[in-house]
Amino acid sequence: MALNPYTSIEHGQPGRVGCLIHYVEETPSTQEVARALAADGAPQGTVVIAERQSAGRGRMGRGWHSPPGVNLYMTVILRPRIALAEVATLSLVAGVAVAEAIETVAPGLVELKWPNDVWLRGRKAGGIIAEAVTDQHSRLACVLLGIGLNLNLSAEQIPAELRDRATSVFIATGRRCDRVAVANSLFLRLHSRYMETETHGFGAVREAWERYSALTGKRVTAVDAGARLTGTVAGIDSDGALLLDTADGQRRIVAGDVTLEGAYD
């Protein structure tokens, strides 16, 4: 059994993020470890952290580069009292918590790219995925909230084909950070923002998300199933949809199989 460096921040309070922390040196994906734990009844707030993922993945099944010893790869088990259709907003809620946690080590540099990317100085430093798990009656059983953050990754560790788009806290600031401290900060903020949303809905954290928005005012093209829609990003609405001002008026873009062209320009 690998020594768990995160034991010091495991608090044992069921329902709160970080109540139980399962640490593994390597796994194909923390999502799959968390899925098995959730099926066995793991309480809300249980976290799986891996030193390395051999098959880490992000939104729309994309791969996630996961070298060992430098970053934070985790999945949080949540059991929200929300409709299945609202699960996508949890990646936005988590984005706010992540941005607030990263602010403690990279003040003034963090932005959020809708729907679930974390940016530092205009490059991707993290990603979030909110995966719904349903029961035999197609009702929401839990949400597996996956978060990958590049913390102490060096430029040399980034694959050559990603270097113009990827970064880390270390690259952006020139300073290495304490991964356990960042995780603890994230747990506290995620629990607070999650409970705020459960009580008052996503609208309660919308303004906080908007403060970190990387795309507001930018001209982008949304591509969904081959259809293309170009406009200027006006922000997000109270349901977390992207608002795009087009020549034909304002349109709502709902997270799903949508990609945004022009975001890195």
Protein backbone atom coordinates (compact mmCIF):
# COMPACT_ATOMS: atom_id res chain seq x y z
CA MET A 1 0.00 0.00 0.00
CA ALA A 2 1.42 3.38 -1.04
CA LEU A 3 1.99 5.93 1.69
CA ASN A 4 -0.78 8.52 1.45
CA PRO A 5 0.70 12.05 1.56
CA TYR A 6 -2.82 13.47 1.85
CA THR A 7 -3.66 11.76 5.16
CA SER A 8 -3.09 15.00 7.08
CA ILE A 9 -6.05 16.69 5.34
CA GLU A 10 -8.50 13.78 5.59
CA HIS A 11 -11.01 15.00 8.19
CA GLY A 12 -13.50 12.12 8.51
CA GLN A 13 -16.67 14.24 8.41
CA PRO A 14 -19.13 12.35 6.17
CA GLY A 15 -20.69 14.53 3.52
CA ARG A 16 -17.85 17.07 3.39
CA VAL A 17 -15.36 17.01 0.55
CA GLY A 18 -12.24 15.22 1.75
CA CYS A 19 -13.95 13.13 4.44
CA LEU A 20 -12.16 10.05 3.07
CA ILE A 21 -9.14 10.13 0.76
CA HIS A 22 -8.19 7.05 -1.24
CA TYR A 23 -4.66 7.43 -2.58
CA VAL A 24 -3.13 5.25 -5.29
CA GLU A 25 0.28 5.52 -6.93
CA GLU A 26 -1.05 4.70 -10.38
CA THR A 27 -4.40 3.93 -11.96
CA PRO A 28 -5.85 4.13 -15.45
CA SER A 29 -8.27 6.80 -14.20
CA THR A 30 -9.43 8.11 -10.81
CA GLN A 31 -12.96 8.17 -12.29
CA GLU A 32 -13.02 4.37 -12.47
CA VAL A 33 -11.70 3.91 -8.92
CA ALA A 34 -14.32 6.36 -7.66
CA ARG A 35 -17.04 4.61 -9.66
CA ALA A 36 -16.34 1.32 -7.86
CA LEU A 37 -16.22 3.02 -4.46
CA ALA A 38 -19.51 4.82 -5.14
CA ALA A 39 -21.15 1.54 -6.14
CA ASP A 40 -20.04 0.12 -2.79
CA GLY A 41 -21.72 2.99 -0.95
CA ALA A 42 -18.86 5.45 -0.39
CA PRO A 43 -20.25 8.61 1.20
CA GLN A 44 -20.47 11.98 -0.47
CA GLY A 45 -17.17 13.80 -0.16
CA THR A 46 -15.00 10.72 -0.72
CA VAL A 47 -11.98 11.64 -2.84
CA VAL A 48 -9.71 9.48 -4.98
CA ILE A 49 -6.25 10.91 -5.67
CA ALA A 50 -3.70 9.29 -7.97
CA GLU A 51 -0.01 10.05 -8.26
CA ARG A 52 -0.26 9.12 -11.92
CA GLN A 53 -3.04 8.20 -14.36
CA SER A 54 -2.13 5.90 -17.22
CA ALA A 55 -5.37 6.61 -19.08
CA GLY A 56 -6.56 9.93 -17.69
CA ARG A 57 -9.37 11.50 -19.66
CA GLY A 58 -11.21 14.75 -19.89
CA ARG A 59 -14.33 16.08 -21.52
CA MET A 60 -15.62 14.28 -24.65
CA GLY A 61 -13.23 11.37 -23.96
CA ARG A 62 -10.07 13.35 -24.66
CA GLY A 63 -6.82 12.11 -23.12
CA TRP A 64 -5.21 13.89 -20.19
CA HIS A 65 -1.40 13.92 -19.93
CA SER A 66 -0.65 12.62 -16.42
CA PRO A 67 3.03 12.33 -15.44
CA PRO A 68 3.78 11.27 -11.82
CA GLY A 69 4.86 13.38 -8.89
CA VAL A 70 4.00 16.88 -10.07
CA ASN A 71 0.27 17.43 -10.42
CA LEU A 72 -3.09 16.81 -8.75
CA TYR A 73 -5.36 14.15 -10.26
CA MET A 74 -8.55 13.51 -8.32
CA THR A 75 -12.20 12.49 -8.42
CA VAL A 76 -14.76 13.54 -5.82
CA ILE A 77 -17.90 11.49 -5.20
CA LEU A 78 -20.95 13.74 -4.87
CA ARG A 79 -24.53 12.72 -4.22
CA PRO A 80 -26.44 15.89 -5.12
CA ARG A 81 -30.17 16.45 -4.83
CA ILE A 82 -30.51 17.83 -8.34
CA ALA A 83 -32.09 16.84 -11.63
CA LEU A 84 -30.01 14.79 -14.05
CA ALA A 85 -30.09 17.68 -16.52
CA GLU A 86 -28.34 19.94 -14.01
CA VAL A 87 -25.23 17.77 -13.56
CA ALA A 88 -23.26 19.72 -16.17
CA THR A 89 -23.43 22.84 -13.98
CA LEU A 90 -21.34 21.07 -11.34
CA SER A 91 -18.26 21.37 -13.56
CA LEU A 92 -18.82 25.14 -13.52
CA VAL A 93 -19.29 25.14 -9.75
CA ALA A 94 -16.07 23.16 -9.39
CA GLY A 95 -14.39 25.64 -11.73
CA VAL A 96 -15.06 28.46 -9.30
CA ALA A 97 -13.65 26.45 -6.40
CA VAL A 98 -10.58 25.48 -8.44
CA ALA A 99 -9.98 29.09 -9.50
CA GLU A 100 -10.25 30.27 -5.90
CA ALA A 101 -7.81 27.59 -4.74
CA ILE A 102 -5.31 28.34 -7.53
CA GLU A 103 -5.49 32.03 -6.64
CA THR A 104 -3.66 31.16 -3.41
CA VAL A 105 -0.57 30.07 -5.37
CA ALA A 106 -0.96 32.04 -8.62
CA PRO A 107 -2.78 35.25 -7.67
CA GLY A 108 -4.27 37.25 -10.51
CA LEU A 109 -3.42 34.69 -13.20
CA VAL A 110 -6.27 32.18 -13.25
CA GLU A 111 -9.17 32.21 -15.72
CA LEU A 112 -11.95 29.79 -16.62
CA LYS A 113 -12.74 28.79 -20.22
CA TRP A 114 -16.30 27.60 -20.60
CA PRO A 115 -17.31 24.96 -19.88
CA ASN A 116 -14.57 23.29 -17.86
CA ASP A 117 -10.99 24.41 -18.55
CA VAL A 118 -8.69 26.20 -16.12
CA TRP A 119 -6.28 28.70 -17.69
CA LEU A 120 -3.14 30.45 -16.51
CA ARG A 121 -1.78 33.23 -18.73
CA GLY A 122 -4.03 32.08 -21.56
CA ARG A 123 -2.96 28.43 -21.53
CA LYS A 124 -4.66 25.36 -20.12
CA ALA A 125 -3.55 24.32 -16.64
CA GLY A 126 -6.44 22.08 -15.68
CA GLY A 127 -9.71 20.46 -16.60
CA ILE A 128 -12.90 19.32 -14.92
CA ILE A 129 -15.43 16.63 -15.79
CA ALA A 130 -18.77 16.02 -14.07
CA GLU A 131 -19.94 12.50 -14.89
CA ALA A 132 -23.43 11.40 -13.92
CA VAL A 133 -23.95 7.85 -12.67
CA THR A 134 -27.54 6.61 -12.79
CA ASP A 135 -29.30 3.72 -11.07
CA GLN A 136 -31.36 0.94 -12.67
CA HIS A 137 -34.32 3.32 -12.93
CA SER A 138 -32.25 5.96 -14.77
CA ARG A 139 -32.27 8.22 -11.72
CA LEU A 140 -29.18 10.12 -10.63
CA ALA A 141 -27.23 8.00 -8.14
CA CYS A 142 -24.10 10.13 -7.86
CA VAL A 143 -21.74 12.41 -9.72
CA LEU A 144 -18.06 11.65 -10.27
CA LEU A 145 -16.36 15.03 -10.33
CA GLY A 146 -12.95 14.61 -11.94
CA ILE A 147 -10.35 17.37 -11.59
CA GLY A 148 -6.87 17.45 -13.10
CA LEU A 149 -4.55 20.35 -12.26
CA ASN A 150 -1.05 20.98 -13.57
CA LEU A 151 0.80 22.26 -10.53
CA ASN A 152 4.55 21.55 -10.64
CA LEU A 153 4.79 20.33 -14.23
CA SER A 154 7.84 21.72 -16.06
CA ALA A 155 7.80 22.88 -19.68
CA GLU A 156 9.99 19.91 -20.65
CA GLN A 157 7.38 17.48 -19.31
CA ILE A 158 4.66 18.79 -21.63
CA PRO A 159 4.40 16.90 -24.94
CA ALA A 160 5.75 19.04 -27.79
CA GLU A 161 2.38 19.14 -29.55
CA LEU A 162 0.74 20.68 -26.46
CA ARG A 163 3.31 23.29 -25.45
CA ASP A 164 1.56 26.17 -27.20
CA ARG A 165 -1.64 25.48 -25.22
CA ALA A 166 -0.68 23.82 -21.93
CA THR A 167 0.95 25.23 -18.81
CA SER A 168 1.20 24.75 -15.03
CA VAL A 169 1.40 26.84 -11.88
CA PHE A 170 5.17 26.33 -11.88
CA ILE A 171 5.55 27.46 -15.49
CA ALA A 172 3.25 30.46 -14.99
CA THR A 173 4.78 31.66 -11.71
CA GLY A 174 8.29 30.20 -11.56
CA ARG A 175 7.45 28.73 -8.14
CA ARG A 176 6.65 25.18 -7.10
CA CYS A 177 3.66 24.73 -4.81
CA ASP A 178 2.64 22.34 -2.05
CA ARG A 179 0.21 19.90 -3.66
CA VAL A 180 -1.32 18.86 -0.33
CA ALA A 181 -1.97 22.48 0.62
CA VAL A 182 -3.58 23.15 -2.76
CA ALA A 183 -5.76 20.04 -2.38
CA ASN A 184 -6.87 21.13 1.09
CA SER A 185 -7.70 24.61 -0.16
CA LEU A 186 -9.68 23.09 -3.02
CA PHE A 187 -11.62 20.74 -0.72
CA LEU A 188 -12.72 23.62 1.50
CA ARG A 189 -13.78 25.84 -1.38
CA LEU A 190 -15.47 23.06 -3.32
CA HIS A 191 -17.58 22.03 -0.35
CA SER A 192 -18.61 25.64 0.28
CA ARG A 193 -19.54 26.34 -3.35
CA TYR A 194 -21.28 22.98 -3.74
CA MET A 195 -23.47 23.52 -0.67
CA GLU A 196 -24.24 27.05 -1.84
CA THR A 197 -25.44 25.64 -5.15
CA GLU A 198 -27.50 22.87 -3.56
CA THR A 199 -29.29 25.47 -1.44
CA HIS A 200 -29.75 28.30 -3.91
CA GLY A 201 -29.12 26.83 -7.37
CA PHE A 202 -26.36 27.55 -9.87
CA GLY A 203 -27.35 31.21 -10.05
CA ALA A 204 -25.76 31.65 -6.63
CA VAL A 205 -22.25 31.11 -8.04
CA ARG A 206 -22.81 32.51 -11.53
CA GLU A 207 -21.34 35.91 -10.68
CA ALA A 208 -18.24 34.31 -9.18
CA TRP A 209 -17.76 32.23 -12.34
CA GLU A 210 -18.17 35.32 -14.52
CA ARG A 211 -15.32 37.06 -12.68
CA TYR A 212 -12.94 34.40 -13.93
CA SER A 213 -14.35 34.08 -17.46
CA ALA A 214 -11.59 33.92 -20.08
CA LEU A 215 -13.88 34.25 -23.09
CA THR A 216 -16.27 37.09 -22.30
CA GLY A 217 -15.91 39.67 -25.05
CA LYS A 218 -14.05 37.24 -27.35
CA ARG A 219 -15.28 36.21 -30.78
CA VAL A 220 -15.52 32.41 -31.09
CA THR A 221 -17.19 29.77 -33.22
CA ALA A 222 -19.23 27.06 -31.51
CA VAL A 223 -19.23 23.74 -33.36
CA ASP A 224 -21.93 21.23 -32.49
CA ALA A 225 -22.56 18.12 -34.63
CA GLY A 226 -21.17 19.90 -37.68
CA ALA A 227 -23.22 23.07 -37.19
CA ARG A 228 -21.21 26.27 -36.74
CA LEU A 229 -22.29 29.43 -34.95
CA THR A 230 -20.01 32.46 -34.68
CA GLY A 231 -20.42 35.35 -32.28
CA THR A 232 -19.06 37.28 -29.32
CA VAL A 233 -19.24 35.68 -25.87
CA ALA A 234 -21.52 37.66 -23.57
CA GLY A 235 -21.11 35.41 -20.51
CA ILE A 236 -23.24 32.58 -19.10
CA ASP A 237 -26.82 32.42 -17.92
CA SER A 238 -28.30 31.15 -14.65
CA ASP A 239 -28.33 27.59 -16.05
CA GLY A 240 -24.65 27.69 -17.04
CA ALA A 241 -25.25 27.97 -20.79
CA LEU A 242 -22.84 30.11 -22.82
CA LEU A 243 -24.40 33.29 -24.20
CA LEU A 244 -23.24 34.14 -27.71
CA ASP A 245 -24.13 37.43 -29.40
CA THR A 246 -24.51 36.66 -33.10
CA ALA A 247 -25.66 38.61 -36.15
CA ASP A 248 -29.11 37.04 -35.60
CA GLY A 249 -29.34 37.86 -31.91
CA GLN A 250 -28.20 36.22 -28.68
CA ARG A 251 -28.01 32.43 -28.64
CA ARG A 252 -27.62 29.94 -25.80
CA ILE A 253 -24.93 27.28 -26.20
CA VAL A 254 -25.41 24.28 -23.92
CA ALA A 255 -22.41 22.23 -22.80
CA GLY A 256 -22.21 18.84 -24.44
CA ASP A 257 -20.45 17.85 -27.63
CA VAL A 258 -19.70 21.52 -28.32
CA THR A 259 -16.21 22.78 -29.08
CA LEU A 260 -15.12 26.42 -29.33
CA GLU A 261 -12.83 27.59 -32.10
CA GLY A 262 -10.90 30.82 -31.67
CA ALA A 263 -10.66 30.54 -27.87
CA TYR A 264 -6.84 30.45 -27.95
CA ASP A 265 -6.46 33.25 -30.51
